[in-house]
């Protein structure tokens, strides 16, 4: 099992920056993929960025060049540095972990944090 705890959300003005952090804890050896999703009311949750254990990254087109994901495997943490924020980035951001290795082997299950609200507004 994995518990994910996010931090760093809040209110920021357009053009500003914000950093989200997520820490994973629990009884596991490693996690395949860690990333960030976001959701606004009435819309589906969408991928923002993800990072594999091998440091491969993937970004949504809407955030390329503005957001940077970083992962620390030994600490089981993942962060999202967000710059040049716009009102369209306003959403609840969720930390995600997928692909868990533990004493029972591998499980292709998604784990989610509770989410942190990011509001971009003047």
PDB file of N, CA and C in Angstrom:
ATOM      1  N   UNK A   1       0.836  -1.189   0.000  1.00  0.00           N
ATOM      2  CA  UNK A   1       0.000   0.000   0.000  1.00  0.00           C
ATOM      3  C   UNK A   1       0.876   1.247   0.000  1.00  0.00           C
ATOM      4  N   UNK A   2       0.341   2.303  -0.590  1.00  0.00           N
ATOM      5  CA  UNK A   2       1.058   3.570  -0.682  1.00  0.00           C
ATOM      6  C   UNK A   2       0.151   4.688  -0.196  1.00  0.00           C
ATOM      7  N   UNK A   3       0.706   5.555   0.601  1.00  0.00           N
ATOM      8  CA  UNK A   3       0.015   6.777   0.981  1.00  0.00           C
ATOM      9  C   UNK A   3       0.764   7.948   0.347  1.00  0.00           C
ATOM     10  N   UNK A   4       0.002   8.827  -0.279  1.00  0.00           N
ATOM     11  CA  UNK A   4       0.585   9.985  -0.953  1.00  0.00           C
ATOM     12  C   UNK A   4       0.071  11.253  -0.293  1.00  0.00           C
ATOM     13  N   UNK A   5       0.978  12.136   0.046  1.00  0.00           N
ATOM     14  CA  UNK A   5       0.611  13.388   0.698  1.00  0.00           C
ATOM     15  C   UNK A   5       1.181  14.545  -0.104  1.00  0.00           C
ATOM     16  N   UNK A   6       0.284  15.403  -0.591  1.00  0.00           N
ATOM     17  CA  UNK A   6       0.701  16.559  -1.390  1.00  0.00           C
ATOM     18  C   UNK A   6       0.823  17.803  -0.511  1.00  0.00           C
ATOM     19  N   UNK A   7       1.619  18.735  -0.990  1.00  0.00           N
ATOM     20  CA  UNK A   7       1.736  20.037  -0.340  1.00  0.00           C
ATOM     21  C   UNK A   7       2.127  21.067  -1.384  1.00  0.00           C
ATOM     22  N   UNK A   8       1.866  22.341  -1.066  1.00  0.00           N
ATOM     23  CA  UNK A   8       2.354  23.406  -1.916  1.00  0.00           C
ATOM     24  C   UNK A   8       1.308  24.141  -2.724  1.00  0.00           C
ATOM     25  N   UNK A   9       0.059  23.723  -2.661  1.00  0.00           N
ATOM     26  CA  UNK A   9      -0.952  24.444  -3.412  1.00  0.00           C
ATOM     27  C   UNK A   9      -1.240  25.801  -2.797  1.00  0.00           C
ATOM     28  N   UNK A  10      -2.059  26.590  -3.506  1.00  0.00           N
ATOM     29  CA  UNK A  10      -2.415  27.897  -2.984  1.00  0.00           C
ATOM     30  C   UNK A  10      -2.845  28.840  -4.080  1.00  0.00           C
ATOM     31  N   UNK A  11      -2.896  30.107  -3.719  1.00  0.00           N
ATOM     32  CA  UNK A  11      -3.305  31.167  -4.647  1.00  0.00           C
ATOM     33  C   UNK A  11      -2.072  31.870  -5.202  1.00  0.00           C
ATOM     34  N   UNK A  12      -2.048  32.046  -6.501  1.00  0.00           N
ATOM     35  CA  UNK A  12      -0.929  32.721  -7.146  1.00  0.00           C
ATOM     36  C   UNK A  12      -1.470  33.593  -8.270  1.00  0.00           C
ATOM     37  N   UNK A  13      -0.791  34.694  -8.532  1.00  0.00           N
ATOM     38  CA  UNK A  13      -1.216  35.587  -9.603  1.00  0.00           C
ATOM     39  C   UNK A  13      -0.794  35.055 -10.969  1.00  0.00           C
ATOM     40  N   UNK A  14      -1.503  35.418 -12.004  1.00  0.00           N
ATOM     41  CA  UNK A  14      -1.089  35.012 -13.356  1.00  0.00           C
ATOM     42  C   UNK A  14       0.350  35.430 -13.629  1.00  0.00           C
ATOM     43  N   UNK A  15       1.089  34.525 -14.245  1.00  0.00           N
ATOM     44  CA  UNK A  15       2.497  34.755 -14.498  1.00  0.00           C
ATOM     45  C   UNK A  15       3.400  34.303 -13.375  1.00  0.00           C
ATOM     46  N   UNK A  16       2.823  33.936 -12.254  1.00  0.00           N
ATOM     47  CA  UNK A  16       3.593  33.530 -11.092  1.00  0.00           C
ATOM     48  C   UNK A  16       4.021  32.079 -11.141  1.00  0.00           C
ATOM     49  N   UNK A  17       4.667  31.666 -10.065  1.00  0.00           N
ATOM     50  CA  UNK A  17       5.195  30.308  -9.965  1.00  0.00           C
ATOM     51  C   UNK A  17       4.734  29.665  -8.672  1.00  0.00           C
ATOM     52  N   UNK A  18       4.715  28.348  -8.703  1.00  0.00           N
ATOM     53  CA  UNK A  18       4.323  27.574  -7.530  1.00  0.00           C
ATOM     54  C   UNK A  18       4.984  26.208  -7.634  1.00  0.00           C
ATOM     55  N   UNK A  19       5.321  25.645  -6.491  1.00  0.00           N
ATOM     56  CA  UNK A  19       5.942  24.324  -6.473  1.00  0.00           C
ATOM     57  C   UNK A  19       5.082  23.387  -5.637  1.00  0.00           C
ATOM     58  N   UNK A  20       4.724  22.272  -6.242  1.00  0.00           N
ATOM     59  CA  UNK A  20       3.987  21.221  -5.542  1.00  0.00           C
ATOM     60  C   UNK A  20       4.937  20.087  -5.191  1.00  0.00           C
ATOM     61  N   UNK A  21       4.714  19.505  -4.027  1.00  0.00           N
ATOM     62  CA  UNK A  21       5.520  18.369  -3.605  1.00  0.00           C
ATOM     63  C   UNK A  21       4.621  17.228  -3.158  1.00  0.00           C
ATOM     64  N   UNK A  22       5.116  16.019  -3.318  1.00  0.00           N
ATOM     65  CA  UNK A  22       4.361  14.830  -2.911  1.00  0.00           C
ATOM     66  C   UNK A  22       5.329  13.821  -2.327  1.00  0.00           C
ATOM     67  N   UNK A  23       4.963  13.278  -1.184  1.00  0.00           N
ATOM     68  CA  UNK A  23       5.780  12.254  -0.537  1.00  0.00           C
ATOM     69  C   UNK A  23       4.980  10.960  -0.451  1.00  0.00           C
ATOM     70  N   UNK A  24       5.602   9.872  -0.857  1.00  0.00           N
ATOM     71  CA  UNK A  24       4.977   8.556  -0.789  1.00  0.00           C
ATOM     72  C   UNK A  24       5.526   7.773   0.400  1.00  0.00           C
ATOM     73  N   UNK A  25       4.637   7.139   1.110  1.00  0.00           N
ATOM     74  CA  UNK A  25       5.059   6.302   2.235  1.00  0.00           C
ATOM     75  C   UNK A  25       4.252   5.018   2.229  1.00  0.00           C
ATOM     76  N   UNK A  26       4.781   4.006   2.919  1.00  0.00           N
ATOM     77  CA  UNK A  26       4.090   2.733   2.987  1.00  0.00           C
ATOM     78  C   UNK A  26       5.058   1.577   2.912  1.00  0.00           C
ATOM     79  N   UNK A  27       4.506   0.397   2.740  1.00  0.00           N
ATOM     80  CA  UNK A  27       5.333  -0.806   2.698  1.00  0.00           C
ATOM     81  C   UNK A  27       5.521  -1.234   1.257  1.00  0.00           C
ATOM     82  N   UNK A  28       6.548  -0.733   0.641  1.00  0.00           N
ATOM     83  CA  UNK A  28       6.853  -1.076  -0.743  1.00  0.00           C
ATOM     84  C   UNK A  28       8.344  -0.930  -0.970  1.00  0.00           C
ATOM     85  N   UNK A  29       8.813  -1.519  -2.068  1.00  0.00           N
ATOM     86  CA  UNK A  29      10.228  -1.411  -2.410  1.00  0.00           C
ATOM     87  C   UNK A  29      10.467  -0.250  -3.366  1.00  0.00           C
ATOM     88  N   UNK A  30       9.583  -0.117  -4.347  1.00  0.00           N
ATOM     89  CA  UNK A  30       9.762   0.946  -5.324  1.00  0.00           C
ATOM     90  C   UNK A  30       8.462   1.200  -6.063  1.00  0.00           C
ATOM     91  N   UNK A  31       8.410   2.313  -6.756  1.00  0.00           N
ATOM     92  CA  UNK A  31       7.248   2.720  -7.542  1.00  0.00           C
ATOM     93  C   UNK A  31       7.706   2.987  -8.967  1.00  0.00           C
ATOM     94  N   UNK A  32       6.967   2.431  -9.930  1.00  0.00           N
ATOM     95  CA  UNK A  32       7.336   2.604 -11.329  1.00  0.00           C
ATOM     96  C   UNK A  32       7.230   4.048 -11.787  1.00  0.00           C
ATOM     97  N   UNK A  33       6.057   4.608 -11.661  1.00  0.00           N
ATOM     98  CA  UNK A  33       5.781   5.938 -12.199  1.00  0.00           C
ATOM     99  C   UNK A  33       5.158   6.803 -11.122  1.00  0.00           C
ATOM    100  N   UNK A  34       5.634   8.015 -11.007  1.00  0.00           N
ATOM    101  CA  UNK A  34       5.005   9.013 -10.132  1.00  0.00           C
ATOM    102  C   UNK A  34       4.709  10.242 -10.970  1.00  0.00           C
ATOM    103  N   UNK A  35       3.589  10.870 -10.674  1.00  0.00           N
ATOM    104  CA  UNK A  35       3.238  12.013 -11.490  1.00  0.00           C
ATOM    105  C   UNK A  35       2.168  12.874 -10.877  1.00  0.00           C
ATOM    106  N   UNK A  36       1.717  13.799 -11.681  1.00  0.00           N
ATOM    107  CA  UNK A  36       0.697  14.767 -11.263  1.00  0.00           C
ATOM    108  C   UNK A  36      -0.426  14.807 -12.285  1.00  0.00           C
ATOM    109  N   UNK A  37      -1.635  14.811 -11.777  1.00  0.00           N
ATOM    110  CA  UNK A  37      -2.833  14.993 -12.581  1.00  0.00           C
ATOM    111  C   UNK A  37      -3.564  16.210 -12.029  1.00  0.00           C
ATOM    112  N   UNK A  38      -4.495  16.737 -12.818  1.00  0.00           N
ATOM    113  CA  UNK A  38      -5.317  17.832 -12.317  1.00  0.00           C
ATOM    114  C   UNK A  38      -6.745  17.674 -12.818  1.00  0.00           C
ATOM    115  N   UNK A  39      -7.631  18.290 -12.061  1.00  0.00           N
ATOM    116  CA  UNK A  39      -9.050  18.175 -12.402  1.00  0.00           C
ATOM    117  C   UNK A  39      -9.773  19.461 -12.015  1.00  0.00           C
ATOM    118  N   UNK A  40     -10.636  19.900 -12.931  1.00  0.00           N
ATOM    119  CA  UNK A  40     -11.530  21.023 -12.659  1.00  0.00           C
ATOM    120  C   UNK A  40     -12.951  20.495 -12.659  1.00  0.00           C
ATOM    121  N   UNK A  41     -13.848  21.160 -11.966  1.00  0.00           N
ATOM    122  CA  UNK A  41     -15.233  20.671 -11.899  1.00  0.00           C
ATOM    123  C   UNK A  41     -15.828  20.500 -13.290  1.00  0.00           C
ATOM    124  N   UNK A  42     -16.476  19.357 -13.484  1.00  0.00           N
ATOM    125  CA  UNK A  42     -17.139  19.085 -14.749  1.00  0.00           C
ATOM    126  C   UNK A  42     -16.250  18.505 -15.825  1.00  0.00           C
ATOM    127  N   UNK A  43     -14.971  18.340 -15.526  1.00  0.00           N
ATOM    128  CA  UNK A  43     -14.049  17.778 -16.502  1.00  0.00           C
ATOM    129  C   UNK A  43     -13.358  16.554 -15.937  1.00  0.00           C
ATOM    130  N   UNK A  44     -12.833  15.730 -16.842  1.00  0.00           N
ATOM    131  CA  UNK A  44     -12.112  14.548 -16.410  1.00  0.00           C
ATOM    132  C   UNK A  44     -10.729  14.929 -15.876  1.00  0.00           C
ATOM    133  N   UNK A  45     -10.239  14.078 -15.011  1.00  0.00           N
ATOM    134  CA  UNK A  45      -8.884  14.265 -14.502  1.00  0.00           C
ATOM    135  C   UNK A  45      -7.908  14.058 -15.659  1.00  0.00           C
ATOM    136  N   UNK A  46      -6.927  14.936 -15.768  1.00  0.00           N
ATOM    137  CA  UNK A  46      -5.986  14.850 -16.874  1.00  0.00           C
ATOM    138  C   UNK A  46      -4.549  14.798 -16.363  1.00  0.00           C
ATOM    139  N   UNK A  47      -3.716  14.112 -17.128  1.00  0.00           N
ATOM    140  CA  UNK A  47      -2.307  14.032 -16.797  1.00  0.00           C
ATOM    141  C   UNK A  47      -1.647  15.387 -17.005  1.00  0.00           C
ATOM    142  N   UNK A  48      -0.854  15.804 -16.045  1.00  0.00           N
ATOM    143  CA  UNK A  48      -0.043  17.004 -16.178  1.00  0.00           C
ATOM    144  C   UNK A  48       1.390  16.636 -16.526  1.00  0.00           C
ATOM    145  N   UNK A  49       1.967  15.760 -15.707  1.00  0.00           N
ATOM    146  CA  UNK A  49       3.341  15.327 -15.940  1.00  0.00           C
ATOM    147  C   UNK A  49       3.599  14.052 -15.154  1.00  0.00           C
ATOM    148  N   UNK A  50       4.497  13.213 -15.681  1.00  0.00           N
ATOM    149  CA  UNK A  50       4.859  11.994 -14.981  1.00  0.00           C
ATOM    150  C   UNK A  50       6.344  11.723 -15.159  1.00  0.00           C
ATOM    151  N   UNK A  51       6.887  10.922 -14.241  1.00  0.00           N
ATOM    152  CA  UNK A  51       8.306  10.565 -14.288  1.00  0.00           C
ATOM    153  C   UNK A  51       8.470   9.119 -13.874  1.00  0.00           C
ATOM    154  N   UNK A  52       9.228   8.369 -14.650  1.00  0.00           N
ATOM    155  CA  UNK A  52       9.500   6.975 -14.314  1.00  0.00           C
ATOM    156  C   UNK A  52      10.708   6.877 -13.393  1.00  0.00           C
ATOM    157  N   UNK A  53      10.938   5.673 -12.878  1.00  0.00           N
ATOM    158  CA  UNK A  53      12.115   5.460 -12.033  1.00  0.00           C
ATOM    159  C   UNK A  53      13.394   5.713 -12.816  1.00  0.00           C
ATOM    160  N   UNK A  54      13.327   5.502 -14.104  1.00  0.00           N
ATOM    161  CA  UNK A  54      14.497   5.724 -14.949  1.00  0.00           C
ATOM    162  C   UNK A  54      14.640   7.154 -15.418  1.00  0.00           C
ATOM    163  N   UNK A  55      13.812   8.054 -14.851  1.00  0.00           N
ATOM    164  CA  UNK A  55      13.908   9.492 -15.110  1.00  0.00           C
ATOM    165  C   UNK A  55      13.345   9.902 -16.461  1.00  0.00           C
ATOM    166  N   UNK A  56      12.598   9.032 -17.125  1.00  0.00           N
ATOM    167  CA  UNK A  56      11.881   9.475 -18.316  1.00  0.00           C
ATOM    168  C   UNK A  56      10.684  10.304 -17.881  1.00  0.00           C
ATOM    169  N   UNK A  57      10.448  11.390 -18.588  1.00  0.00           N
ATOM    170  CA  UNK A  57       9.349  12.277 -18.214  1.00  0.00           C
ATOM    171  C   UNK A  57       8.363  12.441 -19.366  1.00  0.00           C
ATOM    172  N   UNK A  58       7.156  12.794 -18.985  1.00  0.00           N
ATOM    173  CA  UNK A  58       6.095  13.011 -19.961  1.00  0.00           C
ATOM    174  C   UNK A  58       5.273  14.205 -19.494  1.00  0.00           C
ATOM    175  N   UNK A  59       4.949  15.101 -20.426  1.00  0.00           N
ATOM    176  CA  UNK A  59       4.203  16.297 -20.080  1.00  0.00           C
ATOM    177  C   UNK A  59       2.982  16.463 -20.983  1.00  0.00           C
ATOM    178  N   UNK A  60       1.932  17.030 -20.428  1.00  0.00           N
ATOM    179  CA  UNK A  60       0.813  17.451 -21.252  1.00  0.00           C
ATOM    180  C   UNK A  60       1.283  18.602 -22.131  1.00  0.00           C
ATOM    181  N   UNK A  61       0.749  18.662 -23.341  1.00  0.00           N
ATOM    182  CA  UNK A  61       1.166  19.728 -24.264  1.00  0.00           C
ATOM    183  C   UNK A  61       0.944  21.111 -23.659  1.00  0.00           C
ATOM    184  N   UNK A  62      -0.103  21.245 -22.877  1.00  0.00           N
ATOM    185  CA  UNK A  62      -0.468  22.555 -22.340  1.00  0.00           C
ATOM    186  C   UNK A  62       0.528  23.078 -21.312  1.00  0.00           C
ATOM    187  N   UNK A  63       1.383  22.210 -20.779  1.00  0.00           N
ATOM    188  CA  UNK A  63       2.313  22.666 -19.740  1.00  0.00           C
ATOM    189  C   UNK A  63       3.778  22.560 -20.169  1.00  0.00           C
ATOM    190  N   UNK A  64       4.030  22.024 -21.341  1.00  0.00           N
ATOM    191  CA  UNK A  64       5.415  21.888 -21.805  1.00  0.00           C
ATOM    192  C   UNK A  64       6.091  23.251 -21.855  1.00  0.00           C
ATOM    193  N   UNK A  65       7.307  23.287 -21.334  1.00  0.00           N
ATOM    194  CA  UNK A  65       8.057  24.534 -21.310  1.00  0.00           C
ATOM    195  C   UNK A  65       7.749  25.411 -20.116  1.00  0.00           C
ATOM    196  N   UNK A  66       6.705  25.074 -19.364  1.00  0.00           N
ATOM    197  CA  UNK A  66       6.335  25.885 -18.191  1.00  0.00           C
ATOM    198  C   UNK A  66       6.464  25.091 -16.885  1.00  0.00           C
ATOM    199  N   UNK A  67       6.168  23.811 -16.944  1.00  0.00           N
ATOM    200  CA  UNK A  67       6.205  22.961 -15.754  1.00  0.00           C
ATOM    201  C   UNK A  67       7.386  22.001 -15.848  1.00  0.00           C
ATOM    202  N   UNK A  68       7.959  21.694 -14.703  1.00  0.00           N
ATOM    203  CA  UNK A  68       9.051  20.738 -14.641  1.00  0.00           C
ATOM    204  C   UNK A  68       8.797  19.755 -13.506  1.00  0.00           C
ATOM    205  N   UNK A  69       8.827  18.479 -13.846  1.00  0.00           N
ATOM    206  CA  UNK A  69       8.650  17.444 -12.834  1.00  0.00           C
ATOM    207  C   UNK A  69      10.005  16.902 -12.432  1.00  0.00           C
ATOM    208  N   UNK A  70      10.162  16.644 -11.151  1.00  0.00           N
ATOM    209  CA  UNK A  70      11.402  16.051 -10.667  1.00  0.00           C
ATOM    210  C   UNK A  70      11.062  14.985  -9.635  1.00  0.00           C
ATOM    211  N   UNK A  71      11.859  13.943  -9.642  1.00  0.00           N
ATOM    212  CA  UNK A  71      11.568  12.806  -8.775  1.00  0.00           C
ATOM    213  C   UNK A  71      12.839  12.381  -8.061  1.00  0.00           C
ATOM    214  N   UNK A  72      12.682  12.036  -6.804  1.00  0.00           N
ATOM    215  CA  UNK A  72      13.801  11.536  -6.010  1.00  0.00           C
ATOM    216  C   UNK A  72      13.447  10.114  -5.594  1.00  0.00           C
ATOM    217  N   UNK A  73      14.025   9.133  -6.251  1.00  0.00           N
ATOM    218  CA  UNK A  73      13.647   7.737  -6.017  1.00  0.00           C
ATOM    219  C   UNK A  73      13.930   7.283  -4.585  1.00  0.00           C
ATOM    220  N   UNK A  74      15.078   7.637  -4.063  1.00  0.00           N
ATOM    221  CA  UNK A  74      15.450   7.167  -2.727  1.00  0.00           C
ATOM    222  C   UNK A  74      14.528   7.732  -1.648  1.00  0.00           C
ATOM    223  N   UNK A  75      14.035   8.954  -1.885  1.00  0.00           N
ATOM    224  CA  UNK A  75      13.153   9.590  -0.899  1.00  0.00           C
ATOM    225  C   UNK A  75      11.679   9.359  -1.211  1.00  0.00           C
ATOM    226  N   UNK A  76      11.407   8.747  -2.370  1.00  0.00           N
ATOM    227  CA  UNK A  76      10.026   8.511  -2.795  1.00  0.00           C
ATOM    228  C   UNK A  76       9.219   9.804  -2.827  1.00  0.00           C
ATOM    229  N   UNK A  77       9.804  10.805  -3.433  1.00  0.00           N
ATOM    230  CA  UNK A  77       9.124  12.086  -3.568  1.00  0.00           C
ATOM    231  C   UNK A  77       9.077  12.503  -5.035  1.00  0.00           C
ATOM    232  N   UNK A  78       8.096  13.315  -5.342  1.00  0.00           N
ATOM    233  CA  UNK A  78       7.988  13.896  -6.675  1.00  0.00           C
ATOM    234  C   UNK A  78       7.502  15.327  -6.508  1.00  0.00           C
ATOM    235  N   UNK A  79       8.082  16.219  -7.303  1.00  0.00           N
ATOM    236  CA  UNK A  79       7.729  17.627  -7.224  1.00  0.00           C
ATOM    237  C   UNK A  79       7.347  18.143  -8.602  1.00  0.00           C
ATOM    238  N   UNK A  80       6.592  19.215  -8.596  1.00  0.00           N
ATOM    239  CA  UNK A  80       6.190  19.846  -9.847  1.00  0.00           C
ATOM    240  C   UNK A  80       6.424  21.343  -9.710  1.00  0.00           C
ATOM    241  N   UNK A  81       7.390  21.834 -10.441  1.00  0.00           N
ATOM    242  CA  UNK A  81       7.659  23.261 -10.462  1.00  0.00           C
ATOM    243  C   UNK A  81       6.839  23.871 -11.583  1.00  0.00           C
ATOM    244  N   UNK A  82       5.977  24.809 -11.218  1.00  0.00           N
ATOM    245  CA  UNK A  82       5.071  25.409 -12.197  1.00  0.00           C
ATOM    246  C   UNK A  82       5.415  26.888 -12.351  1.00  0.00           C
ATOM    247  N   UNK A  83       5.646  27.306 -13.568  1.00  0.00           N
ATOM    248  CA  UNK A  83       5.960  28.707 -13.849  1.00  0.00           C
ATOM    249  C   UNK A  83       5.003  29.242 -14.909  1.00  0.00           C
ATOM    250  N   UNK A  84       5.021  30.557 -15.070  1.00  0.00           N
ATOM    251  CA  UNK A  84       4.161  31.223 -16.065  1.00  0.00           C
ATOM    252  C   UNK A  84       2.722  30.739 -15.964  1.00  0.00           C
ATOM    253  N   UNK A  85       2.236  30.682 -14.755  1.00  0.00           N
ATOM    254  CA  UNK A  85       0.894  30.142 -14.526  1.00  0.00           C
ATOM    255  C   UNK A  85      -0.179  31.058 -15.115  1.00  0.00           C
ATOM    256  N   UNK A  86      -1.229  30.435 -15.609  1.00  0.00           N
ATOM    257  CA  UNK A  86      -2.373  31.151 -16.167  1.00  0.00           C
ATOM    258  C   UNK A  86      -3.637  30.702 -15.441  1.00  0.00           C
ATOM    259  N   UNK A  87      -4.720  31.451 -15.561  1.00  0.00           N
ATOM    260  CA  UNK A  87      -5.971  31.031 -14.915  1.00  0.00           C
ATOM    261  C   UNK A  87      -6.421  29.639 -15.360  1.00  0.00           C
ATOM    262  N   UNK A  88      -6.023  29.239 -16.577  1.00  0.00           N
ATOM    263  CA  UNK A  88      -6.399  27.909 -17.071  1.00  0.00           C
ATOM    264  C   UNK A  88      -5.692  26.794 -16.315  1.00  0.00           C
ATOM    265  N   UNK A  89      -4.702  27.111 -15.532  1.00  0.00           N
ATOM    266  CA  UNK A  89      -4.013  26.108 -14.710  1.00  0.00           C
ATOM    267  C   UNK A  89      -4.718  25.884 -13.374  1.00  0.00           C
ATOM    268  N   UNK A  90      -5.733  26.675 -13.104  1.00  0.00           N
ATOM    269  CA  UNK A  90      -6.484  26.510 -11.863  1.00  0.00           C
ATOM    270  C   UNK A  90      -7.161  25.151 -11.833  1.00  0.00           C
ATOM    271  N   UNK A  91      -6.889  24.392 -10.785  1.00  0.00           N
ATOM    272  CA  UNK A  91      -7.437  23.035 -10.671  1.00  0.00           C
ATOM    273  C   UNK A  91      -7.025  22.436  -9.335  1.00  0.00           C
ATOM    274  N   UNK A  92      -7.607  21.299  -9.032  1.00  0.00           N
ATOM    275  CA  UNK A  92      -7.087  20.482  -7.942  1.00  0.00           C
ATOM    276  C   UNK A  92      -6.037  19.557  -8.539  1.00  0.00           C
ATOM    277  N   UNK A  93      -4.865  19.585  -7.981  1.00  0.00           N
ATOM    278  CA  UNK A  93      -3.755  18.775  -8.465  1.00  0.00           C
ATOM    279  C   UNK A  93      -3.582  17.555  -7.576  1.00  0.00           C
ATOM    280  N   UNK A  94      -3.510  16.391  -8.225  1.00  0.00           N
ATOM    281  CA  UNK A  94      -3.406  15.127  -7.512  1.00  0.00           C
ATOM    282  C   UNK A  94      -2.070  14.456  -7.797  1.00  0.00           C
ATOM    283  N   UNK A  95      -1.447  13.994  -6.758  1.00  0.00           N
ATOM    284  CA  UNK A  95      -0.254  13.170  -6.910  1.00  0.00           C
ATOM    285  C   UNK A  95      -0.679  11.738  -7.224  1.00  0.00           C
ATOM    286  N   UNK A  96       0.058  11.104  -8.113  1.00  0.00           N
ATOM    287  CA  UNK A  96      -0.268   9.741  -8.534  1.00  0.00           C
ATOM    288  C   UNK A  96       0.961   8.848  -8.458  1.00  0.00           C
ATOM    289  N   UNK A  97       0.732   7.632  -8.053  1.00  0.00           N
ATOM    290  CA  UNK A  97       1.783   6.609  -8.092  1.00  0.00           C
ATOM    291  C   UNK A  97       1.205   5.389  -8.783  1.00  0.00           C
ATOM    292  N   UNK A  98       1.981   4.834  -9.700  1.00  0.00           N
ATOM    293  CA  UNK A  98       1.512   3.660 -10.441  1.00  0.00           C
ATOM    294  C   UNK A  98       2.633   2.642 -10.541  1.00  0.00           C
ATOM    295  N   UNK A  99       2.268   1.359 -10.350  1.00  0.00           N
ATOM    296  CA  UNK A  99       3.236   0.285 -10.501  1.00  0.00           C
ATOM    297  C   UNK A  99       4.068   0.115  -9.256  1.00  0.00           C
ATOM    298  N   UNK A 100       3.559  -0.681  -8.357  1.00  0.00           N
ATOM    299  CA  UNK A 100       4.179  -0.841  -7.048  1.00  0.00           C
ATOM    300  C   UNK A 100       4.884  -2.180  -6.940  1.00  0.00           C
ATOM    301  N   UNK A 101       6.111  -2.154  -6.469  1.00  0.00           N
ATOM    302  CA  UNK A 101       6.837  -3.376  -6.143  1.00  0.00           C
ATOM    303  C   UNK A 101       6.880  -3.492  -4.619  1.00  0.00           C
ATOM    304  N   UNK A 102       6.321  -4.600  -4.108  1.00  0.00           N
ATOM    305  CA  UNK A 102       6.419  -4.838  -2.670  1.00  0.00           C
ATOM    306  C   UNK A 102       6.704  -6.317  -2.430  1.00  0.00           C
ATOM    307  N   UNK A 103       6.549  -6.754  -1.187  1.00  0.00           N
ATOM    308  CA  UNK A 103       6.905  -8.125  -0.828  1.00  0.00           C
ATOM    309  C   UNK A 103       6.059  -9.158  -1.585  1.00  0.00           C
ATOM    310  N   UNK A 104       4.906  -8.744  -2.110  1.00  0.00           N
ATOM    311  CA  UNK A 104       4.038  -9.675  -2.831  1.00  0.00           C
ATOM    312  C   UNK A 104       4.331  -9.684  -4.321  1.00  0.00           C
ATOM    313  N   UNK A 105       5.217  -8.806  -4.774  1.00  0.00           N
ATOM    314  CA  UNK A 105       5.541  -8.725  -6.189  1.00  0.00           C
ATOM    315  C   UNK A 105       5.132  -7.399  -6.773  1.00  0.00           C
ATOM    316  N   UNK A 106       4.671  -7.424  -8.023  1.00  0.00           N
ATOM    317  CA  UNK A 106       4.312  -6.196  -8.729  1.00  0.00           C
ATOM    318  C   UNK A 106       2.804  -6.077  -8.857  1.00  0.00           C
ATOM    319  N   UNK A 107       2.298  -4.874  -8.656  1.00  0.00           N
ATOM    320  CA  UNK A 107       0.875  -4.620  -8.871  1.00  0.00           C
ATOM    321  C   UNK A 107       0.709  -3.353  -9.691  1.00  0.00           C
ATOM    322  N   UNK A 108      -0.040  -3.469 -10.771  1.00  0.00           N
ATOM    323  CA  UNK A 108      -0.299  -2.317 -11.627  1.00  0.00           C
ATOM    324  C   UNK A 108      -1.522  -1.572 -11.174  1.00  0.00           C
ATOM    325  N   UNK A 109      -1.401  -0.916 -10.061  1.00  0.00           N
ATOM    326  CA  UNK A 109      -2.524  -0.211  -9.441  1.00  0.00           C
ATOM    327  C   UNK A 109      -2.184   1.262  -9.316  1.00  0.00           C
ATOM    328  N   UNK A 110      -3.186   2.108  -9.506  1.00  0.00           N
ATOM    329  CA  UNK A 110      -3.022   3.547  -9.294  1.00  0.00           C
ATOM    330  C   UNK A 110      -3.305   3.896  -7.842  1.00  0.00           C
ATOM    331  N   UNK A 111      -2.443   4.744  -7.288  1.00  0.00           N
ATOM    332  CA  UNK A 111      -2.669   5.307  -5.972  1.00  0.00           C
ATOM    333  C   UNK A 111      -2.753   6.821  -6.123  1.00  0.00           C
ATOM    334  N   UNK A 112      -3.607   7.426  -5.305  1.00  0.00           N
ATOM    335  CA  UNK A 112      -3.852   8.860  -5.433  1.00  0.00           C
ATOM    336  C   UNK A 112      -3.729   9.568  -4.090  1.00  0.00           C
ATOM    337  N   UNK A 113      -3.209  10.792  -4.151  1.00  0.00           N
ATOM    338  CA  UNK A 113      -3.270  11.645  -2.987  1.00  0.00           C
ATOM    339  C   UNK A 113      -4.637  12.288  -2.903  1.00  0.00           C
ATOM    340  N   UNK A 114      -4.852  13.086  -1.852  1.00  0.00           N
ATOM    341  CA  UNK A 114      -6.154  13.720  -1.652  1.00  0.00           C
ATOM    342  C   UNK A 114      -6.318  14.967  -2.508  1.00  0.00           C
ATOM    343  N   UNK A 115      -5.242  15.481  -3.044  1.00  0.00           N
ATOM    344  CA  UNK A 115      -5.307  16.646  -3.908  1.00  0.00           C
ATOM    345  C   UNK A 115      -4.985  17.942  -3.192  1.00  0.00           C
ATOM    346  N   UNK A 116      -4.461  18.882  -3.955  1.00  0.00           N
ATOM    347  CA  UNK A 116      -4.166  20.214  -3.427  1.00  0.00           C
ATOM    348  C   UNK A 116      -4.643  21.240  -4.454  1.00  0.00           C
ATOM    349  N   UNK A 117      -5.323  22.258  -3.980  1.00  0.00           N
ATOM    350  CA  UNK A 117      -5.927  23.241  -4.871  1.00  0.00           C
ATOM    351  C   UNK A 117      -4.919  24.307  -5.284  1.00  0.00           C
ATOM    352  N   UNK A 118      -4.850  24.531  -6.587  1.00  0.00           N
ATOM    353  CA  UNK A 118      -4.050  25.622  -7.139  1.00  0.00           C
ATOM    354  C   UNK A 118      -5.003  26.601  -7.803  1.00  0.00           C
ATOM    355  N   UNK A 119      -4.954  27.828  -7.363  1.00  0.00           N
ATOM    356  CA  UNK A 119      -5.810  28.870  -7.925  1.00  0.00           C
ATOM    357  C   UNK A 119      -4.942  29.973  -8.497  1.00  0.00           C
ATOM    358  N   UNK A 120      -5.125  30.238  -9.790  1.00  0.00           N
ATOM    359  CA  UNK A 120      -4.367  31.293 -10.454  1.00  0.00           C
ATOM    360  C   UNK A 120      -5.342  32.431 -10.760  1.00  0.00           C
ATOM    361  N   UNK A 121      -5.166  33.515 -10.053  1.00  0.00           N
ATOM    362  CA  UNK A 121      -6.111  34.616 -10.179  1.00  0.00           C
ATOM    363  C   UNK A 121      -5.472  35.905  -9.696  1.00  0.00           C
ATOM    364  N   UNK A 122      -5.877  36.999 -10.298  1.00  0.00           N
ATOM    365  CA  UNK A 122      -5.395  38.308  -9.857  1.00  0.00           C
ATOM    366  C   UNK A 122      -6.376  38.916  -8.851  1.00  0.00           C
TER     367      UNK A 122
END
